[in-house]
Amino acid sequence: RFVVKLPLKNHPSVLPDTKGITYERFKTIE
C-alpha cells in the first residue's frame, strides 16, 4: 500500500487546540 505524508503549507504548530470544539460537536451527535 502507498504511504503518504500530509502536504502542509505551514508547520502544524500553528494549529489551535480543537479538543473542546470537537467534544461539543460529539455531544451533539450523541
PDB file of all heavy atoms in Angstrom:
ATOM      1  N   ARG A   1       0.824  -1.205   0.000  1.00  0.00           N
ATOM      2  CA  ARG A   1       0.000   0.000   0.000  1.00  0.00           C
ATOM      3  C   ARG A   1       0.861   1.260   0.000  1.00  0.00           C
ATOM      4  O   ARG A   1       1.983   1.265   0.513  1.00  0.00           O
ATOM      5  CB  ARG A   1      -0.930   0.026   1.216  1.00  0.00           C
ATOM      6  CG  ARG A   1      -1.928  -1.119   1.252  1.00  0.00           C
ATOM      7  CD  ARG A   1      -2.798  -1.011   2.505  1.00  0.00           C
ATOM      8  NE  ARG A   1      -3.606  -2.204   2.683  1.00  0.00           N
ATOM      9  CZ  ARG A   1      -4.830  -2.372   2.180  1.00  0.00           C
ATOM     10  NH1 ARG A   1      -5.368  -1.402   1.451  1.00  0.00           N
ATOM     11  NH2 ARG A   1      -5.492  -3.487   2.387  1.00  0.00           N
ATOM     12  N   PHE A   2       0.309   2.319  -0.556  1.00  0.00           N
ATOM     13  CA  PHE A   2       1.003   3.604  -0.538  1.00  0.00           C
ATOM     14  C   PHE A   2       0.987   4.195   0.862  1.00  0.00           C
ATOM     15  O   PHE A   2       0.009   4.046   1.613  1.00  0.00           O
ATOM     16  CB  PHE A   2       0.338   4.578  -1.510  1.00  0.00           C
ATOM     17  CG  PHE A   2       0.674   4.330  -2.950  1.00  0.00           C
ATOM     18  CD1 PHE A   2      -0.186   3.607  -3.762  1.00  0.00           C
ATOM     19  CD2 PHE A   2       1.857   4.819  -3.498  1.00  0.00           C
ATOM     20  CE1 PHE A   2       0.124   3.362  -5.086  1.00  0.00           C
ATOM     21  CE2 PHE A   2       2.172   4.581  -4.826  1.00  0.00           C
ATOM     22  CZ  PHE A   2       1.304   3.857  -5.625  1.00  0.00           C
ATOM     23  N   VAL A   3       2.060   4.886   1.214  1.00  0.00           N
ATOM     24  CA  VAL A   3       2.160   5.642   2.459  1.00  0.00           C
ATOM     25  C   VAL A   3       2.468   7.082   2.075  1.00  0.00           C
ATOM     26  O   VAL A   3       3.445   7.346   1.370  1.00  0.00           O
ATOM     27  CB  VAL A   3       3.277   5.096   3.380  1.00  0.00           C
ATOM     28  CG1 VAL A   3       3.317   5.889   4.680  1.00  0.00           C
ATOM     29  CG2 VAL A   3       3.065   3.603   3.654  1.00  0.00           C
ATOM     30  N   VAL A   4       1.617   8.015   2.516  1.00  0.00           N
ATOM     31  CA  VAL A   4       1.779   9.420   2.127  1.00  0.00           C
ATOM     32  C   VAL A   4       1.914  10.292   3.364  1.00  0.00           C
ATOM     33  O   VAL A   4       1.443   9.954   4.447  1.00  0.00           O
ATOM     34  CB  VAL A   4       0.575   9.907   1.288  1.00  0.00           C
ATOM     35  CG1 VAL A   4       0.447   9.106   0.008  1.00  0.00           C
ATOM     36  CG2 VAL A   4      -0.733   9.838   2.088  1.00  0.00           C
ATOM     37  N   LYS A   5       2.562  11.429   3.189  1.00  0.00           N
ATOM     38  CA  LYS A   5       2.581  12.458   4.218  1.00  0.00           C
ATOM     39  C   LYS A   5       1.586  13.546   3.822  1.00  0.00           C
ATOM     40  O   LYS A   5       1.384  13.809   2.636  1.00  0.00           O
ATOM     41  CB  LYS A   5       3.977  13.069   4.372  1.00  0.00           C
ATOM     42  CG  LYS A   5       4.917  12.223   5.232  1.00  0.00           C
ATOM     43  CD  LYS A   5       6.224  12.938   5.530  1.00  0.00           C
ATOM     44  CE  LYS A   5       6.053  14.136   6.440  1.00  0.00           C
ATOM     45  NZ  LYS A   5       5.645  13.746   7.826  1.00  0.00           N
ATOM     46  N   LEU A   6       0.975  14.173   4.818  1.00  0.00           N
ATOM     47  CA  LEU A   6       0.038  15.246   4.536  1.00  0.00           C
ATOM     48  C   LEU A   6       0.804  16.437   3.954  1.00  0.00           C
ATOM     49  O   LEU A   6       1.803  16.885   4.549  1.00  0.00           O
ATOM     50  CB  LEU A   6      -0.700  15.671   5.814  1.00  0.00           C
ATOM     51  CG  LEU A   6      -1.515  14.575   6.518  1.00  0.00           C
ATOM     52  CD1 LEU A   6      -2.197  15.140   7.766  1.00  0.00           C
ATOM     53  CD2 LEU A   6      -2.551  13.971   5.576  1.00  0.00           C
ATOM     54  N   PRO A   7       0.377  16.962   2.807  1.00  0.00           N
ATOM     55  CA  PRO A   7       1.101  18.073   2.180  1.00  0.00           C
ATOM     56  C   PRO A   7       0.733  19.408   2.832  1.00  0.00           C
ATOM     57  O   PRO A   7      -0.253  20.049   2.479  1.00  0.00           O
ATOM     58  CB  PRO A   7       0.624  18.018   0.724  1.00  0.00           C
ATOM     59  CG  PRO A   7      -0.752  17.436   0.795  1.00  0.00           C
ATOM     60  CD  PRO A   7      -0.757  16.502   1.973  1.00  0.00           C
ATOM     61  N   LEU A   8       1.524  19.818   3.812  1.00  0.00           N
ATOM     62  CA  LEU A   8       1.216  21.014   4.603  1.00  0.00           C
ATOM     63  C   LEU A   8       1.997  22.226   4.106  1.00  0.00           C
ATOM     64  O   LEU A   8       3.183  22.134   3.780  1.00  0.00           O
ATOM     65  CB  LEU A   8       1.539  20.761   6.070  1.00  0.00           C
ATOM     66  CG  LEU A   8       0.825  19.570   6.732  1.00  0.00           C
ATOM     67  CD1 LEU A   8       1.251  19.441   8.187  1.00  0.00           C
ATOM     68  CD2 LEU A   8      -0.688  19.700   6.612  1.00  0.00           C
ATOM     69  N   LYS A   9       1.325  23.371   4.087  1.00  0.00           N
ATOM     70  CA  LYS A   9       1.969  24.639   3.713  1.00  0.00           C
ATOM     71  C   LYS A   9       2.780  25.188   4.883  1.00  0.00           C
ATOM     72  O   LYS A   9       3.812  25.827   4.690  1.00  0.00           O
ATOM     73  CB  LYS A   9       0.916  25.688   3.325  1.00  0.00           C
ATOM     74  CG  LYS A   9      -0.038  25.305   2.230  1.00  0.00           C
ATOM     75  CD  LYS A   9      -1.071  26.434   2.064  1.00  0.00           C
ATOM     76  CE  LYS A   9      -2.169  26.046   1.102  1.00  0.00           C
ATOM     77  NZ  LYS A   9      -3.201  27.116   0.996  1.00  0.00           N
ATOM     78  N   ASN A  10       2.250  24.996   6.097  1.00  0.00           N
ATOM     79  CA  ASN A  10       2.874  25.550   7.298  1.00  0.00           C
ATOM     80  C   ASN A  10       3.120  24.448   8.324  1.00  0.00           C
ATOM     81  O   ASN A  10       2.514  23.381   8.248  1.00  0.00           O
ATOM     82  CB  ASN A  10       1.969  26.625   7.934  1.00  0.00           C
ATOM     83  CG  ASN A  10       1.539  27.690   6.946  1.00  0.00           C
ATOM     84  OD1 ASN A  10       0.368  27.731   6.550  1.00  0.00           O
ATOM     85  ND2 ASN A  10       2.460  28.529   6.536  1.00  0.00           N
ATOM     86  N   HIS A  11       3.966  24.747   9.283  1.00  0.00           N
ATOM     87  CA  HIS A  11       4.215  23.779  10.351  1.00  0.00           C
ATOM     88  C   HIS A  11       2.951  23.624  11.191  1.00  0.00           C
ATOM     89  O   HIS A  11       2.280  24.622  11.504  1.00  0.00           O
ATOM     90  CB  HIS A  11       5.383  24.243  11.234  1.00  0.00           C
ATOM     91  CG  HIS A  11       5.884  23.171  12.143  1.00  0.00           C
ATOM     92  ND1 HIS A  11       5.314  22.933  13.384  1.00  0.00           N
ATOM     93  CD2 HIS A  11       6.876  22.249  11.994  1.00  0.00           C
ATOM     94  CE1 HIS A  11       5.941  21.917  13.959  1.00  0.00           C
ATOM     95  NE2 HIS A  11       6.899  21.492  13.143  1.00  0.00           N
ATOM     96  N   PRO A  12       2.574  22.404  11.560  1.00  0.00           N
ATOM     97  CA  PRO A  12       1.325  22.195  12.302  1.00  0.00           C
ATOM     98  C   PRO A  12       1.290  22.821  13.688  1.00  0.00           C
ATOM     99  O   PRO A  12       0.232  22.825  14.330  1.00  0.00           O
ATOM    100  CB  PRO A  12       1.206  20.672  12.378  1.00  0.00           C
ATOM    101  CG  PRO A  12       2.577  20.147  12.121  1.00  0.00           C
ATOM    102  CD  PRO A  12       3.231  21.132  11.207  1.00  0.00           C
ATOM    103  N   SER A  13       2.395  23.363  14.156  1.00  0.00           N
ATOM    104  CA  SER A  13       2.399  24.043  15.459  1.00  0.00           C
ATOM    105  C   SER A  13       1.487  25.262  15.462  1.00  0.00           C
ATOM    106  O   SER A  13       1.110  25.762  16.532  1.00  0.00           O
ATOM    107  CB  SER A  13       3.825  24.456  15.835  1.00  0.00           C
ATOM    108  OG  SER A  13       4.369  25.319  14.845  1.00  0.00           O
ATOM    109  N   VAL A  14       1.092  25.758  14.272  1.00  0.00           N
ATOM    110  CA  VAL A  14       0.200  26.923  14.194  1.00  0.00           C
ATOM    111  C   VAL A  14      -1.257  26.530  14.454  1.00  0.00           C
ATOM    112  O   VAL A  14      -2.117  27.401  14.608  1.00  0.00           O
ATOM    113  CB  VAL A  14       0.297  27.619  12.818  1.00  0.00           C
ATOM    114  CG1 VAL A  14       1.737  28.021  12.524  1.00  0.00           C
ATOM    115  CG2 VAL A  14      -0.242  26.726  11.690  1.00  0.00           C
ATOM    116  N   LEU A  15      -1.544  25.232  14.512  1.00  0.00           N
ATOM    117  CA  LEU A  15      -2.928  24.788  14.689  1.00  0.00           C
ATOM    118  C   LEU A  15      -3.405  25.038  16.115  1.00  0.00           C
ATOM    119  O   LEU A  15      -2.650  24.840  17.079  1.00  0.00           O
ATOM    120  CB  LEU A  15      -3.048  23.292  14.366  1.00  0.00           C
ATOM    121  CG  LEU A  15      -2.837  22.906  12.898  1.00  0.00           C
ATOM    122  CD1 LEU A  15      -2.782  21.383  12.751  1.00  0.00           C
ATOM    123  CD2 LEU A  15      -3.957  23.478  12.029  1.00  0.00           C
ATOM    124  N   PRO A  16      -4.662  25.472  16.279  1.00  0.00           N
ATOM    125  CA  PRO A  16      -5.208  25.717  17.620  1.00  0.00           C
ATOM    126  C   PRO A  16      -5.627  24.420  18.291  1.00  0.00           C
ATOM    127  O   PRO A  16      -5.682  23.358  17.658  1.00  0.00           O
ATOM    128  CB  PRO A  16      -6.435  26.586  17.327  1.00  0.00           C
ATOM    129  CG  PRO A  16      -6.895  26.112  15.987  1.00  0.00           C
ATOM    130  CD  PRO A  16      -5.642  25.774  15.216  1.00  0.00           C
ATOM    131  N   ASP A  17      -5.949  24.504  19.565  1.00  0.00           N
ATOM    132  CA  ASP A  17      -6.460  23.353  20.312  1.00  0.00           C
ATOM    133  C   ASP A  17      -7.949  23.194  19.978  1.00  0.00           C
ATOM    134  O   ASP A  17      -8.775  24.013  20.379  1.00  0.00           O
ATOM    135  CB  ASP A  17      -6.265  23.581  21.814  1.00  0.00           C
ATOM    136  CG  ASP A  17      -6.765  22.409  22.651  1.00  0.00           C
ATOM    137  OD1 ASP A  17      -7.221  21.413  22.055  1.00  0.00           O
ATOM    138  OD2 ASP A  17      -6.715  22.503  23.891  1.00  0.00           O
ATOM    139  N   THR A  18      -8.293  22.149  19.248  1.00  0.00           N
ATOM    140  CA  THR A  18      -9.690  21.939  18.842  1.00  0.00           C
ATOM    141  C   THR A  18     -10.374  20.845  19.671  1.00  0.00           C
ATOM    142  O   THR A  18     -11.457  20.392  19.316  1.00  0.00           O
ATOM    143  CB  THR A  18      -9.761  21.551  17.348  1.00  0.00           C
ATOM    144  OG1 THR A  18      -8.955  20.385  17.124  1.00  0.00           O
ATOM    145  CG2 THR A  18      -9.277  22.685  16.473  1.00  0.00           C
ATOM    146  N   LYS A  19      -9.750  20.472  20.760  1.00  0.00           N
ATOM    147  CA  LYS A  19     -10.276  19.380  21.574  1.00  0.00           C
ATOM    148  C   LYS A  19     -11.661  19.720  22.135  1.00  0.00           C
ATOM    149  O   LYS A  19     -12.599  18.914  22.091  1.00  0.00           O
ATOM    150  CB  LYS A  19      -9.293  19.089  22.713  1.00  0.00           C
ATOM    151  CG  LYS A  19      -9.487  17.749  23.393  1.00  0.00           C
ATOM    152  CD  LYS A  19      -8.325  17.527  24.376  1.00  0.00           C
ATOM    153  CE  LYS A  19      -8.497  16.207  25.116  1.00  0.00           C
ATOM    154  NZ  LYS A  19      -7.389  16.002  26.081  1.00  0.00           N
ATOM    155  N   GLY A  20     -11.812  20.941  22.648  1.00  0.00           N
ATOM    156  CA  GLY A  20     -13.081  21.357  23.227  1.00  0.00           C
ATOM    157  C   GLY A  20     -14.193  21.433  22.195  1.00  0.00           C
ATOM    158  O   GLY A  20     -15.326  20.982  22.435  1.00  0.00           O
ATOM    159  N   ILE A  21     -13.898  22.028  21.040  1.00  0.00           N
ATOM    160  CA  ILE A  21     -14.891  22.140  19.972  1.00  0.00           C
ATOM    161  C   ILE A  21     -15.323  20.750  19.516  1.00  0.00           C
ATOM    162  O   ILE A  21     -16.515  20.485  19.302  1.00  0.00           O
ATOM    163  CB  ILE A  21     -14.312  22.931  18.775  1.00  0.00           C
ATOM    164  CG1 ILE A  21     -13.951  24.342  19.188  1.00  0.00           C
ATOM    165  CG2 ILE A  21     -15.289  22.952  17.604  1.00  0.00           C
ATOM    166  CD1 ILE A  21     -13.222  25.133  18.112  1.00  0.00           C
ATOM    167  N   THR A  22     -14.362  19.860  19.365  1.00  0.00           N
ATOM    168  CA  THR A  22     -14.656  18.508  18.901  1.00  0.00           C
ATOM    169  C   THR A  22     -15.550  17.771  19.891  1.00  0.00           C
ATOM    170  O   THR A  22     -16.479  17.045  19.496  1.00  0.00           O
ATOM    171  CB  THR A  22     -13.346  17.725  18.676  1.00  0.00           C
ATOM    172  OG1 THR A  22     -12.561  18.414  17.695  1.00  0.00           O
ATOM    173  CG2 THR A  22     -13.629  16.316  18.184  1.00  0.00           C
ATOM    174  N   TYR A  23     -15.307  17.978  21.192  1.00  0.00           N
ATOM    175  CA  TYR A  23     -16.129  17.330  22.212  1.00  0.00           C
ATOM    176  C   TYR A  23     -17.567  17.839  22.167  1.00  0.00           C
ATOM    177  O   TYR A  23     -18.528  17.057  22.265  1.00  0.00           O
ATOM    178  CB  TYR A  23     -15.530  17.549  23.600  1.00  0.00           C
ATOM    179  CG  TYR A  23     -16.328  16.899  24.707  1.00  0.00           C
ATOM    180  CD1 TYR A  23     -16.629  15.540  24.669  1.00  0.00           C
ATOM    181  CD2 TYR A  23     -16.799  17.645  25.777  1.00  0.00           C
ATOM    182  CE1 TYR A  23     -17.377  14.935  25.675  1.00  0.00           C
ATOM    183  CE2 TYR A  23     -17.534  17.058  26.799  1.00  0.00           C
ATOM    184  CZ  TYR A  23     -17.821  15.707  26.734  1.00  0.00           C
ATOM    185  OH  TYR A  23     -18.559  15.112  27.729  1.00  0.00           O
ATOM    186  N   GLU A  24     -17.736  19.151  21.999  1.00  0.00           N
ATOM    187  CA  GLU A  24     -19.085  19.724  21.916  1.00  0.00           C
ATOM    188  C   GLU A  24     -19.826  19.186  20.694  1.00  0.00           C
ATOM    189  O   GLU A  24     -21.023  18.885  20.755  1.00  0.00           O
ATOM    190  CB  GLU A  24     -19.014  21.249  21.880  1.00  0.00           C
ATOM    191  CG  GLU A  24     -18.559  21.899  23.166  1.00  0.00           C
ATOM    192  CD  GLU A  24     -19.438  21.515  24.358  1.00  0.00           C
ATOM    193  OE1 GLU A  24     -20.673  21.539  24.213  1.00  0.00           O
ATOM    194  OE2 GLU A  24     -18.880  21.186  25.419  1.00  0.00           O
ATOM    195  N   ARG A  25     -19.122  19.066  19.583  1.00  0.00           N
ATOM    196  CA  ARG A  25     -19.752  18.537  18.364  1.00  0.00           C
ATOM    197  C   ARG A  25     -20.122  17.063  18.552  1.00  0.00           C
ATOM    198  O   ARG A  25     -21.151  16.601  18.040  1.00  0.00           O
ATOM    199  CB  ARG A  25     -18.798  18.711  17.166  1.00  0.00           C
ATOM    200  CG  ARG A  25     -18.499  20.166  16.802  1.00  0.00           C
ATOM    201  CD  ARG A  25     -19.430  20.681  15.730  1.00  0.00           C
ATOM    202  NE  ARG A  25     -19.154  20.066  14.458  1.00  0.00           N
ATOM    203  CZ  ARG A  25     -18.314  20.562  13.538  1.00  0.00           C
ATOM    204  NH1 ARG A  25     -17.645  21.692  13.774  1.00  0.00           N
ATOM    205  NH2 ARG A  25     -18.151  19.954  12.383  1.00  0.00           N
ATOM    206  N   PHE A  26     -19.275  16.330  19.275  1.00  0.00           N
ATOM    207  CA  PHE A  26     -19.564  14.924  19.503  1.00  0.00           C
ATOM    208  C   PHE A  26     -20.796  14.753  20.395  1.00  0.00           C
ATOM    209  O   PHE A  26     -21.614  13.856  20.176  1.00  0.00           O
ATOM    210  CB  PHE A  26     -18.358  14.209  20.123  1.00  0.00           C
ATOM    211  CG  PHE A  26     -18.598  12.742  20.365  1.00  0.00           C
ATOM    212  CD1 PHE A  26     -18.793  11.879  19.298  1.00  0.00           C
ATOM    213  CD2 PHE A  26     -18.668  12.225  21.647  1.00  0.00           C
ATOM    214  CE1 PHE A  26     -19.044  10.523  19.499  1.00  0.00           C
ATOM    215  CE2 PHE A  26     -18.911  10.881  21.863  1.00  0.00           C
ATOM    216  CZ  PHE A  26     -19.091  10.026  20.778  1.00  0.00           C
ATOM    217  N   LYS A  27     -20.964  15.619  21.381  1.00  0.00           N
ATOM    218  CA  LYS A  27     -22.148  15.555  22.241  1.00  0.00           C
ATOM    219  C   LYS A  27     -23.420  15.811  21.429  1.00  0.00           C
ATOM    220  O   LYS A  27     -24.482  15.246  21.727  1.00  0.00           O
ATOM    221  CB  LYS A  27     -22.029  16.545  23.397  1.00  0.00           C
ATOM    222  CG  LYS A  27     -21.007  16.120  24.459  1.00  0.00           C
ATOM    223  CD  LYS A  27     -21.181  16.871  25.766  1.00  0.00           C
ATOM    224  CE  LYS A  27     -20.899  18.355  25.617  1.00  0.00           C
ATOM    225  NZ  LYS A  27     -20.975  19.059  26.921  1.00  0.00           N
ATOM    226  N   THR A  28     -23.320  16.656  20.402  1.00  0.00           N
ATOM    227  CA  THR A  28     -24.461  16.892  19.514  1.00  0.00           C
ATOM    228  C   THR A  28     -24.850  15.613  18.785  1.00  0.00           C
ATOM    229  O   THR A  28     -26.031  15.284  18.633  1.00  0.00           O
ATOM    230  CB  THR A  28     -24.132  17.998  18.493  1.00  0.00           C
ATOM    231  OG1 THR A  28     -23.805  19.200  19.185  1.00  0.00           O
ATOM    232  CG2 THR A  28     -25.304  18.259  17.558  1.00  0.00           C
ATOM    233  N   ILE A  29     -23.839  14.871  18.329  1.00  0.00           N
ATOM    234  CA  ILE A  29     -24.088  13.587  17.664  1.00  0.00           C
ATOM    235  C   ILE A  29     -24.773  12.614  18.628  1.00  0.00           C
ATOM    236  O   ILE A  29     -25.735  11.920  18.259  1.00  0.00           O
ATOM    237  CB  ILE A  29     -22.765  12.979  17.148  1.00  0.00           C
ATOM    238  CG1 ILE A  29     -22.217  13.789  15.971  1.00  0.00           C
ATOM    239  CG2 ILE A  29     -22.952  11.513  16.738  1.00  0.00           C
ATOM    240  CD1 ILE A  29     -23.010  13.631  14.700  1.00  0.00           C
ATOM    241  N   GLU A  30     -24.296  12.579  19.867  1.00  0.00           N
ATOM    242  CA  GLU A  30     -24.886  11.667  20.846  1.00  0.00           C
ATOM    243  C   GLU A  30     -26.346  12.011  21.124  1.00  0.00           C
ATOM    244  O   GLU A  30     -27.175  11.117  21.341  1.00  0.00           O
ATOM    245  CB  GLU A  30     -24.075  11.681  22.142  1.00  0.00           C
ATOM    246  CG  GLU A  30     -22.705  11.006  22.003  1.00  0.00           C
ATOM    247  CD  GLU A  30     -22.008  10.812  23.328  1.00  0.00           C
ATOM    248  OE1 GLU A  30     -22.003  11.761  24.144  1.00  0.00           O
ATOM    249  OE2 GLU A  30     -21.472   9.719  23.554  1.00  0.00           O
TER     250      GLU A  30
END
